[in-house]
Amino acid sequence: MVRTPATLRRLWDVVGVLLADPRVDVRFTVDTAQGGSAFSHGLPDHLIDAGARFIPWVDVLARRFDLALAASDKTDLDRLQAPVVLMPHGAGYHRRAADDPTRISGLRESALVTDGRVVPHTIVVAHHHQADTLKAIDPRLADHTVVAADPCLDRIVAGEVHRYHHRRSFDADDRRMVLLCSTWGVNSLFGTDLRLAERLVTTLPADHHRVVMTLHPNIWRRHGSLRISAWLRRAVDAGLVLLPQDEDWRPALIAADVVVSDHGSLTCYAAAARRPVLIAADGGPEVVPGSPLARLLSALPRLDVDRIAEPPEPVASPLVDAIFTRQSTPTITEVFYRIMGLSLPATVLTTEPVPLGRFAVPSPTHYRSTVTHARIENSHAHLTLERTTARHDAPGSLSTADTTLDIAALETASAIWSEASFPDQAKAVAHARSILTAFPGTRITTASADVVVAVLRTGLVITAHSTTTLSATTAALHWWSTLPPADRPDRVTVDAGAESGAIILL
């Protein structure tokens, strides 16, 4: 029973074995009880497009089933003709309900106990502390609670073996990867600071860092992708990898070197995965005082943008052990089969690792380049560049791509590179000259044909072979062009982090 995108993500994690078992017929529905969720629009089509066998909610209520799976207490569980397994759709029960701050989110007493009877057949939790929370709501819930391994964390742990490949998919091989995570609501990372991603991506040295952002599905559903894209366009233009709304966040967590987060479940999973975590928003009144999440948040350091390149050590394990059990427990799959009265399949698959993500990694359309070291010996220059994607009021020379939508940047850029690949040098030179004509303040322009072509404001045309990106090549050739002609080297070795390489002038 799917209610929101977040509940669907949890259910996908646990339904795999059932789908593969020919003895089990699996159906999906979207809960529309009491008008459904404000975040559920589009979910039926999403399920159908994924190939799920979908039945309307009203038909579900008229049928009997051997097992019903739910990851939300807001469903009318008491109306179902099936033993219900209820599980959290995040890392447990640590937050106040958005619609009623006097109770814990995910644990409405009216959904758990109706007319004097316990409604769920089984409530699955990831730690004995959460079982105690349920018992405090109603002592009878203790007999219906099972502590089992968290399936989301299990898949993260299983995916660690593919960390190298996840990092390559984010083009983060030679970069420190920073993951920004935001839950939803006014007290979240995104809710308290819309511009944090832009500040980070434009401040951190671009060739040494990859900044990725994932937003809770409810943020996308509440504001819409058009508006969110508009809010974050400048950050994406500066190199932010914004994960699409239906993209799994776990590949980014596996690839990350440091996580910037808030009071959402991703903070718990990041800490459990032994990633350094910095807190940008602590959730304020939404966090249950004294809960394991509250203790974790109090122990984690707050974000200092100036020191993010020096992340702290991962949090002490006892704080994580209070959220996810490390004791021997039944798997959630074993719980399902016990309720259905079926034996486990002969070959129960081990936990499936998180697959590689599918997303675009944008290239920045502008850079601020500063030469931090330059040495010339025997016509061979050794150049160290530090580049950021800051636009204004920042040190260094500004270079831009000719495709940028920021006309002000083009008009003030010292160097401009072309994103096009030209069939021959003559066409590349003609295009480079046209850019110099259009933007009189530009000193040098570059383009790619079979070699790199550069045209200076003086009219000089040079060609070169380069083993680094055209943007980094352009920054190096801009430095080269500022030297007296007699001192210009024939070879430039560029140290620019992930964009390091060599340029040989022909």
Foldseek 3Di string as FASTA:
>chain_A
DAQALLFVVQVVLPCVLQVVDPVHDDEDEYACPPHTDLHCPPVVVVCVVVVGHYDYPVVQLVDADAEAETQALPHQLQSGRYAYEYEHSFLAWWWADPVGRVDIHRCDPCSQAPPRRGRHQAYEHFAVVRLVVNCVSPVVNNVRYFHAFRSVLQQLVVQLVVLCVLCVVLVDNQAAEEEEEWEDDCQILCNPDVCPLQVLQQPAFPQHYAYEYEYALVVCSVPNPVVNCVSCVNSVLQFYFYDDSSWDCSSSLSNHQEYETELGRVVLSSLVVFHQYAYAGHSPSGGDPPALSNVVSVQHHHDDSVCPVPTDGRDDCVSSCSRGPPDDGDHVNVVSCVSSVHDRPPDDDDRHHDDHIDGDGDDHFKKFKDWPDWDDDPLEIETEIGIGSDQPPDHHAMEGEPPDPPVVSLQRHQEYEYPDEDQDDVVQVVVFVVSCVVHVNHAKYWYHYVWIWMAGPVGDIWTKHKPFDPVQVRRVVSVLVVDDPVNRGQKYFYHRGNRTIIIGID
